[in-house]
Amino acid sequence: MSPLRGLALGLVVCAILACEHAPSVAKEETAATPPYDFLSSYGFFQGELAELVPSENVLPYTVISPLWSDNAAKARFIVLPEGGKIDFDPVETWSFPQGTTIIKTFLFPEDLREPLGPRRIIETRLLVHEGPEWKNYTYIWNEEQTEARKLVAGTFVDISYLDSEGDSFKGTYVIPNTNQCKNCHSNDDRNRPIGPSARQLNTTVERDGRDINQILWLEGLGIFSEVLPDLAEIHALVDPAGSESLDSRARSYLDSNCAHCHRPGGDGGTSGLVLLSSAPSLTSLGLCKKPVAAGSGSGGLLYDIVPGKPEESILLYRMQSLDPQVKMPEIPNLLVDEFGVELIREWILAMEPVDCFAPSE
């Protein structure tokens, strides 16, 4: 992207997000109750804050297929109220008791090839079940990595790291306005969690020095309100960069990056495009499906997916764009996910060709 195009895009994003320049963090807590002014006031982490070592009641979790966030890595945690139980659901996001906090911290390793090496934390987002609504709060970290301050308006942060090829990258990361969080988290016009679901957490993780199914580990902590079903019978996503079939990897990628909107009840639900990995039909997934109201976002193309022809597919066209009027997903990323674009390109190319223009029988 040219410097002028990048500047223009940045100005558009900043106008949308009501950006502010982030001042340095000076510790002066004024809030007697949550939401606190500073992240450390919650007591979520013990020791040095930037180590992100969870306190006793803070439960780490990981997802199988993460949402692309301009190369940012993420650390995720759940905090339940005392005695609170989760209502398990094999398909949808779990139901959490009032008082639950879901924590997601965005960070960049100095070298993307060494994800466990030195890193810089940029922001921490809290999704708090205040009842009946979930509320979003964002905390921006200081340069010293000793504290994070509550931020309402969005802002830009300069970042640098070595990319997956070992090349030096310098750019900008966008922390969105807290109101923008609802663009992804809205379902049936209500703010809701996205990640904590059986299909995202039904995988093996290392806990307490041993490998164990993540959901079984959580069950062993006594946090579910009922006995769980057989996890082997529950659908799970796969790692889009893993060794599973191309179809399952592509469907998992679309599920985590697009289906929060493109699903029943989501902001993109009226489009008729359902990108859940459990999409009920190929048409709802987009094959030979005409867009409802893509407008200029279609790029003059006629169908969401043309099997065997990625260059004629609106889905891929919008994934490759950084134009705010075209790009998908609509979250304020400043980089195209080249891995995701190539994965979906291969997936469409591998489909058996179909003449979308031929009349249906």
Protein backbone atom coordinates (compact mmCIF):
# COMPACT_ATOMS: atom_id res chain seq x y z
CA MET A 1 0.00 0.00 0.00
CA SER A 2 1.39 3.42 -0.92
CA PRO A 3 2.12 5.95 1.86
CA LEU A 4 -0.60 8.29 0.55
CA ARG A 5 -3.17 5.49 0.41
CA GLY A 6 -2.18 4.39 3.90
CA LEU A 7 -2.51 7.95 5.20
CA ALA A 8 -5.90 8.38 3.57
CA LEU A 9 -7.12 5.10 5.02
CA GLY A 10 -5.79 6.08 8.42
CA LEU A 11 -7.64 9.39 8.32
CA VAL A 12 -10.88 7.63 7.38
CA VAL A 13 -10.48 5.10 10.17
CA CYS A 14 -9.60 7.83 12.66
CA ALA A 15 -12.67 9.81 11.70
CA ILE A 16 -14.83 6.75 12.23
CA LEU A 17 -13.25 5.85 15.55
CA ALA A 18 -12.93 9.36 17.01
CA CYS A 19 -9.25 8.66 17.61
CA GLU A 20 -7.10 10.33 20.19
CA HIS A 21 -3.37 10.27 20.77
CA ALA A 22 -2.64 8.12 23.78
CA PRO A 23 -0.94 10.00 26.62
CA SER A 24 1.45 8.25 28.95
CA VAL A 25 -0.12 6.32 31.80
CA ALA A 26 0.08 8.03 35.17
CA LYS A 27 -1.28 5.94 38.03
CA GLU A 28 -4.06 7.80 39.81
CA GLU A 29 -7.02 5.50 40.37
CA THR A 30 -10.24 7.44 40.90
CA ALA A 31 -12.87 4.73 40.39
CA ALA A 32 -13.99 3.08 43.62
CA THR A 33 -15.77 0.28 41.73
CA PRO A 34 -15.39 -1.26 38.25
CA PRO A 35 -14.84 -0.22 35.59
CA TYR A 36 -11.53 0.89 37.05
CA ASP A 37 -9.25 3.48 35.49
CA PHE A 38 -6.35 1.03 35.45
CA LEU A 39 -6.11 -2.64 34.57
CA SER A 40 -3.99 -3.51 37.62
CA SER A 41 -6.81 -2.42 39.93
CA TYR A 42 -8.83 -5.52 39.02
CA GLY A 43 -6.24 -7.94 40.36
CA PHE A 44 -6.59 -10.23 37.34
CA PHE A 45 -2.85 -10.93 37.21
CA GLN A 46 -0.22 -11.61 39.85
CA GLY A 47 3.39 -10.42 39.89
CA GLU A 48 4.49 -8.12 37.10
CA LEU A 49 1.41 -7.13 35.14
CA ALA A 50 2.97 -7.69 31.71
CA GLU A 51 3.74 -11.33 32.50
CA LEU A 52 -0.03 -11.97 32.41
CA VAL A 53 0.20 -14.66 35.08
CA PRO A 54 -3.45 -15.22 36.02
CA SER A 55 -4.65 -14.95 39.60
CA GLU A 56 -6.33 -17.98 41.14
CA ASN A 57 -9.82 -17.18 39.89
CA VAL A 58 -8.73 -16.20 36.36
CA LEU A 59 -9.00 -19.04 33.84
CA PRO A 60 -6.91 -19.01 30.65
CA TYR A 61 -8.40 -20.33 27.44
CA THR A 62 -7.36 -20.61 23.82
CA VAL A 63 -9.32 -20.81 20.59
CA ILE A 64 -8.68 -23.18 17.71
CA SER A 65 -9.21 -20.67 14.89
CA PRO A 66 -8.43 -17.07 15.93
CA LEU A 67 -9.73 -13.87 14.38
CA TRP A 68 -7.16 -12.05 12.23
CA SER A 69 -6.08 -8.82 13.92
CA ASP A 70 -3.23 -7.41 11.85
CA ASN A 71 -0.78 -10.08 13.04
CA ALA A 72 -1.50 -9.46 16.74
CA ALA A 73 -1.30 -12.43 19.07
CA LYS A 74 -3.82 -12.71 21.90
CA ALA A 75 -4.01 -13.93 25.47
CA ARG A 76 -7.51 -14.86 26.67
CA PHE A 77 -9.00 -15.38 30.14
CA ILE A 78 -12.38 -15.86 31.81
CA VAL A 79 -13.25 -14.57 35.30
CA LEU A 80 -16.44 -15.94 36.85
CA PRO A 81 -18.18 -14.41 39.86
CA GLU A 82 -17.86 -16.41 43.06
CA GLY A 83 -20.05 -19.51 42.77
CA GLY A 84 -20.97 -18.66 39.15
CA LYS A 85 -21.59 -21.49 36.68
CA ILE A 86 -21.50 -21.62 32.88
CA ASP A 87 -24.43 -23.10 30.96
CA PHE A 88 -22.76 -25.28 28.33
CA ASP A 89 -24.05 -25.30 24.77
CA PRO A 90 -22.67 -27.74 22.16
CA VAL A 91 -23.29 -25.32 19.27
CA GLU A 92 -23.65 -21.70 20.34
CA THR A 93 -21.53 -19.49 22.59
CA TRP A 94 -21.91 -20.54 26.21
CA SER A 95 -24.16 -18.64 28.63
CA PHE A 96 -22.27 -16.95 31.45
CA PRO A 97 -23.58 -15.73 34.81
CA GLN A 98 -23.93 -12.04 35.53
CA GLY A 99 -20.63 -10.69 36.84
CA THR A 100 -18.47 -12.64 34.37
CA THR A 101 -15.51 -10.86 32.75
CA ILE A 102 -13.90 -12.09 29.54
CA ILE A 103 -10.38 -10.73 29.01
CA LYS A 104 -8.55 -10.49 25.69
CA THR A 105 -5.09 -8.95 25.48
CA PHE A 106 -3.52 -8.01 22.14
CA LEU A 107 0.26 -8.18 21.81
CA PHE A 108 3.07 -8.43 19.25
CA PRO A 109 6.11 -10.69 19.65
CA GLU A 110 9.31 -8.93 18.63
CA ASP A 111 9.78 -11.81 16.18
CA LEU A 112 6.61 -13.45 14.87
CA ARG A 113 8.59 -16.64 14.33
CA GLU A 114 9.14 -16.85 18.10
CA PRO A 115 5.66 -16.31 19.60
CA LEU A 116 6.88 -17.10 23.13
CA GLY A 117 9.81 -14.69 22.96
CA PRO A 118 10.00 -11.01 23.96
CA ARG A 119 6.83 -9.10 23.18
CA ARG A 120 5.01 -5.81 23.48
CA ILE A 121 1.45 -5.65 24.80
CA ILE A 122 -0.74 -3.03 23.11
CA GLU A 123 -4.23 -3.28 24.59
CA THR A 124 -6.50 -5.34 26.82
CA ARG A 125 -10.23 -5.55 26.17
CA LEU A 126 -12.74 -6.53 28.83
CA LEU A 127 -16.21 -7.83 28.04
CA VAL A 128 -18.18 -7.61 31.29
CA HIS A 129 -21.58 -9.20 31.89
CA GLU A 130 -23.18 -6.39 33.88
CA GLY A 131 -26.71 -7.71 33.39
CA PRO A 132 -28.71 -7.72 31.29
CA GLU A 133 -26.11 -6.37 28.83
CA TRP A 134 -22.45 -7.13 28.24
CA LYS A 135 -20.30 -3.97 28.31
CA ASN A 136 -16.95 -3.36 26.61
CA TYR A 137 -13.97 -1.64 28.22
CA THR A 138 -10.58 -1.10 26.59
CA TYR A 139 -7.22 -0.52 28.33
CA ILE A 140 -4.13 0.79 26.51
CA TRP A 141 -0.70 -0.26 27.80
CA ASN A 142 2.11 2.19 28.46
CA GLU A 143 5.51 1.99 26.78
CA GLU A 144 7.07 0.69 29.99
CA GLN A 145 4.64 -2.26 30.00
CA THR A 146 3.83 -1.66 33.65
CA GLU A 147 0.22 -0.48 33.44
CA ALA A 148 -2.79 -0.09 31.15
CA ARG A 149 -5.24 2.82 31.31
CA LYS A 150 -8.93 2.80 30.37
CA LEU A 151 -9.46 4.25 26.91
CA VAL A 152 -12.81 5.26 25.42
CA ALA A 153 -11.91 6.78 22.06
CA GLY A 154 -9.93 4.79 19.54
CA THR A 155 -6.30 5.53 18.83
CA PHE A 156 -3.32 4.56 16.68
CA VAL A 157 -0.19 2.87 18.07
CA ASP A 158 3.12 2.57 16.21
CA ILE A 159 4.37 -1.02 16.10
CA SER A 160 7.44 -2.84 14.81
CA TYR A 161 8.49 -6.49 14.68
CA LEU A 162 10.14 -9.11 12.51
CA ASP A 163 7.52 -10.81 10.36
CA SER A 164 7.12 -14.50 9.55
CA GLU A 165 9.81 -14.17 6.86
CA GLY A 166 12.25 -12.47 9.22
CA ASP A 167 11.82 -9.08 7.55
CA SER A 168 11.52 -5.89 9.59
CA PHE A 169 8.01 -4.44 9.72
CA LYS A 170 7.03 -0.99 10.95
CA GLY A 171 3.44 0.14 10.85
CA THR A 172 0.36 1.20 12.73
CA TYR A 173 -2.08 -0.72 14.89
CA VAL A 174 -5.62 0.55 15.47
CA ILE A 175 -7.27 0.32 18.87
CA PRO A 176 -10.97 0.71 18.04
CA ASN A 177 -13.51 2.88 19.76
CA THR A 178 -15.29 0.78 22.40
CA ASN A 179 -18.55 1.30 20.52
CA GLN A 180 -16.97 -0.43 17.51
CA CYS A 181 -16.76 -3.67 19.50
CA LYS A 182 -20.47 -4.17 18.95
CA ASN A 183 -19.87 -4.51 15.21
CA CYS A 184 -18.59 -8.02 15.84
CA HIS A 185 -20.22 -8.86 19.17
CA SER A 186 -23.79 -7.93 18.27
CA ASN A 187 -26.26 -10.78 17.86
CA ASP A 188 -30.02 -10.25 17.82
CA ASP A 189 -29.20 -6.61 18.65
CA ARG A 190 -27.49 -7.57 21.91
CA ASN A 191 -23.81 -7.45 22.80
CA ARG A 192 -22.53 -11.00 23.36
CA PRO A 193 -19.25 -12.97 23.64
CA ILE A 194 -17.95 -14.70 20.51
CA GLY A 195 -14.99 -16.93 21.28
CA PRO A 196 -15.98 -19.18 24.23
CA SER A 197 -17.86 -21.94 22.42
CA ALA A 198 -17.51 -25.69 22.16
CA ARG A 199 -16.41 -25.55 18.53
CA GLN A 200 -13.60 -23.13 19.42
CA LEU A 201 -12.43 -24.68 22.71
CA ASN A 202 -12.81 -28.42 22.00
CA THR A 203 -9.10 -29.06 21.60
CA THR A 204 -6.07 -30.32 23.51
CA VAL A 205 -4.09 -27.82 25.57
CA GLU A 206 -1.33 -28.01 28.15
CA ARG A 207 -2.51 -27.33 31.68
CA ASP A 208 -0.63 -28.01 34.90
CA GLY A 209 2.15 -29.73 32.97
CA ARG A 210 -0.06 -32.21 31.10
CA ASP A 211 -1.99 -32.36 27.87
CA ILE A 212 -5.74 -32.42 28.33
CA ASN A 213 -8.89 -31.50 26.44
CA GLN A 214 -9.51 -27.85 27.28
CA ILE A 215 -13.24 -28.29 27.98
CA LEU A 216 -12.58 -31.32 30.20
CA TRP A 217 -10.02 -29.24 32.12
CA LEU A 218 -12.62 -26.53 32.66
CA GLU A 219 -15.18 -29.14 33.69
CA GLY A 220 -12.72 -30.46 36.27
CA LEU A 221 -12.73 -27.01 37.86
CA GLY A 222 -16.47 -27.36 38.46
CA ILE A 223 -17.51 -24.32 36.45
CA PHE A 224 -20.31 -25.87 34.37
CA SER A 225 -23.89 -26.03 35.60
CA GLU A 226 -24.48 -29.58 34.30
CA VAL A 227 -22.74 -32.77 33.21
CA LEU A 228 -21.26 -32.32 29.75
CA PRO A 229 -22.13 -34.46 26.71
CA ASP A 230 -19.55 -36.65 24.96
CA LEU A 231 -17.08 -34.13 23.51
CA ALA A 232 -16.15 -36.56 20.74
CA GLU A 233 -19.64 -36.03 19.34
CA ILE A 234 -19.36 -32.23 19.34
CA HIS A 235 -18.29 -30.37 16.22
CA ALA A 236 -14.97 -28.55 16.54
CA LEU A 237 -13.14 -26.16 14.27
CA VAL A 238 -9.65 -26.97 13.02
CA ASP A 239 -6.48 -24.91 12.79
CA PRO A 240 -6.65 -23.09 9.43
CA ALA A 241 -2.87 -23.51 9.16
CA GLY A 242 -2.97 -27.16 10.19
CA SER A 243 -2.91 -30.44 8.28
CA GLU A 244 -6.64 -31.13 8.03
CA SER A 245 -8.55 -31.03 4.75
CA LEU A 246 -8.63 -27.82 2.73
CA ASP A 247 -12.40 -27.62 3.11
CA SER A 248 -12.36 -27.93 6.90
CA ARG A 249 -9.54 -25.41 7.23
CA ALA A 250 -11.25 -22.86 4.99
CA ARG A 251 -14.61 -23.33 6.69
CA SER A 252 -12.98 -22.89 10.11
CA TYR A 253 -11.28 -19.70 8.95
CA LEU A 254 -14.55 -18.25 7.66
CA ASP A 255 -16.33 -19.28 10.86
CA SER A 256 -13.94 -17.36 13.11
CA ASN A 257 -13.32 -14.37 10.86
CA CYS A 258 -16.71 -13.81 9.23
CA ALA A 259 -19.51 -15.77 10.92
CA HIS A 260 -19.85 -13.43 13.90
CA CYS A 261 -21.74 -11.20 11.42
CA HIS A 262 -22.70 -13.63 8.67
CA ARG A 263 -25.05 -15.82 10.65
CA PRO A 264 -28.66 -15.67 11.83
CA GLY A 265 -28.99 -12.71 14.21
CA GLY A 266 -25.65 -11.20 13.18
CA ASP A 267 -25.23 -7.77 11.62
CA GLY A 268 -24.72 -9.44 8.24
CA GLY A 269 -27.56 -11.91 8.71
CA THR A 270 -29.90 -10.11 6.33
CA SER A 271 -27.46 -10.80 3.48
CA GLY A 272 -28.47 -14.44 3.51
CA LEU A 273 -24.79 -15.37 3.59
CA VAL A 274 -24.14 -17.81 6.44
CA LEU A 275 -20.43 -18.50 6.99
CA LEU A 276 -20.69 -20.70 10.06
CA SER A 277 -18.77 -23.94 9.65
CA SER A 278 -22.15 -25.62 10.10
CA ALA A 279 -23.79 -23.63 7.27
CA PRO A 280 -26.95 -25.53 6.29
CA SER A 281 -26.42 -25.40 2.50
CA LEU A 282 -23.89 -24.54 -0.17
CA THR A 283 -26.10 -21.66 -1.31
CA SER A 284 -26.18 -20.09 2.14
CA LEU A 285 -22.41 -20.47 2.17
CA GLY A 286 -22.33 -18.31 -0.95
CA LEU A 287 -21.96 -20.71 -3.87
CA CYS A 288 -23.59 -19.14 -6.94
CA LYS A 289 -25.42 -16.80 -4.58
CA LYS A 290 -26.12 -13.24 -5.67
CA PRO A 291 -25.45 -10.59 -2.99
CA VAL A 292 -28.48 -8.89 -1.46
CA ALA A 293 -27.03 -5.37 -1.28
CA ALA A 294 -23.29 -5.35 -1.90
CA GLY A 295 -23.40 -2.18 -4.02
CA SER A 296 -19.91 -0.94 -4.86
CA GLY A 297 -18.57 -3.59 -2.51
CA SER A 298 -19.20 -6.23 -5.17
CA GLY A 299 -16.55 -4.85 -7.50
CA GLY A 300 -18.89 -5.48 -10.40
CA LEU A 301 -18.92 -9.22 -9.66
CA LEU A 302 -22.20 -11.13 -9.62
CA TYR A 303 -21.84 -13.97 -7.11
CA ASP A 304 -20.45 -14.38 -3.60
CA ILE A 305 -18.58 -17.54 -4.64
CA VAL A 306 -18.14 -18.86 -8.18
CA PRO A 307 -16.85 -22.44 -7.76
CA GLY A 308 -13.48 -22.90 -9.42
CA LYS A 309 -13.14 -19.15 -10.12
CA PRO A 310 -11.81 -17.18 -7.14
CA GLU A 311 -11.20 -14.10 -9.33
CA GLU A 312 -14.96 -13.92 -10.01
CA SER A 313 -15.96 -14.36 -6.35
CA ILE A 314 -17.11 -11.35 -4.31
CA LEU A 315 -16.05 -13.05 -1.07
CA LEU A 316 -12.39 -13.09 -2.08
CA TYR A 317 -12.56 -9.66 -3.70
CA ARG A 318 -13.68 -8.07 -0.44
CA MET A 319 -11.16 -10.01 1.66
CA GLN A 320 -8.33 -8.56 -0.46
CA SER A 321 -9.45 -4.94 -0.11
CA LEU A 322 -8.47 -2.24 2.40
CA ASP A 323 -11.07 0.21 1.07
CA PRO A 324 -13.43 0.93 4.02
CA GLN A 325 -16.38 0.77 1.62
CA VAL A 326 -15.38 -2.67 0.33
CA LYS A 327 -13.25 -4.56 2.85
CA MET A 328 -14.45 -7.55 4.79
CA PRO A 329 -14.53 -8.05 7.63
CA GLU A 330 -15.48 -4.46 8.45
CA ILE A 331 -13.32 -4.25 11.57
CA PRO A 332 -10.62 -1.54 11.30
CA ASN A 333 -7.66 -3.70 10.27
CA LEU A 334 -4.97 -1.92 8.27
CA LEU A 335 -3.43 -5.07 6.77
CA VAL A 336 -4.84 -7.75 4.50
CA ASP A 337 -4.55 -11.27 5.89
CA GLU A 338 -2.50 -12.72 3.06
CA PHE A 339 -2.65 -16.20 4.58
CA GLY A 340 -6.44 -16.10 4.78
CA VAL A 341 -6.76 -14.74 1.25
CA GLU A 342 -4.59 -17.54 -0.16
CA LEU A 343 -6.46 -20.19 1.85
CA ILE A 344 -9.85 -19.06 0.56
CA ARG A 345 -8.45 -18.68 -2.97
CA GLU A 346 -7.25 -22.30 -2.91
CA TRP A 347 -10.56 -23.44 -1.45
CA ILE A 348 -12.64 -21.79 -4.19
CA LEU A 349 -10.23 -22.92 -6.90
CA ALA A 350 -10.51 -26.53 -5.69
CA MET A 351 -14.31 -26.53 -5.95
CA GLU A 352 -15.87 -28.41 -8.81
CA PRO A 353 -16.70 -25.76 -11.43
CA VAL A 354 -20.36 -24.85 -11.75
CA ASP A 355 -21.98 -22.55 -14.31
CA CYS A 356 -23.64 -20.03 -12.00
CA PHE A 357 -25.26 -18.38 -15.01
CA ALA A 358 -27.09 -21.52 -16.06
CA PRO A 359 -30.81 -21.56 -15.07
CA SER A 360 -31.52 -23.77 -12.06
CA GLU A 361 -33.59 -26.88 -12.67
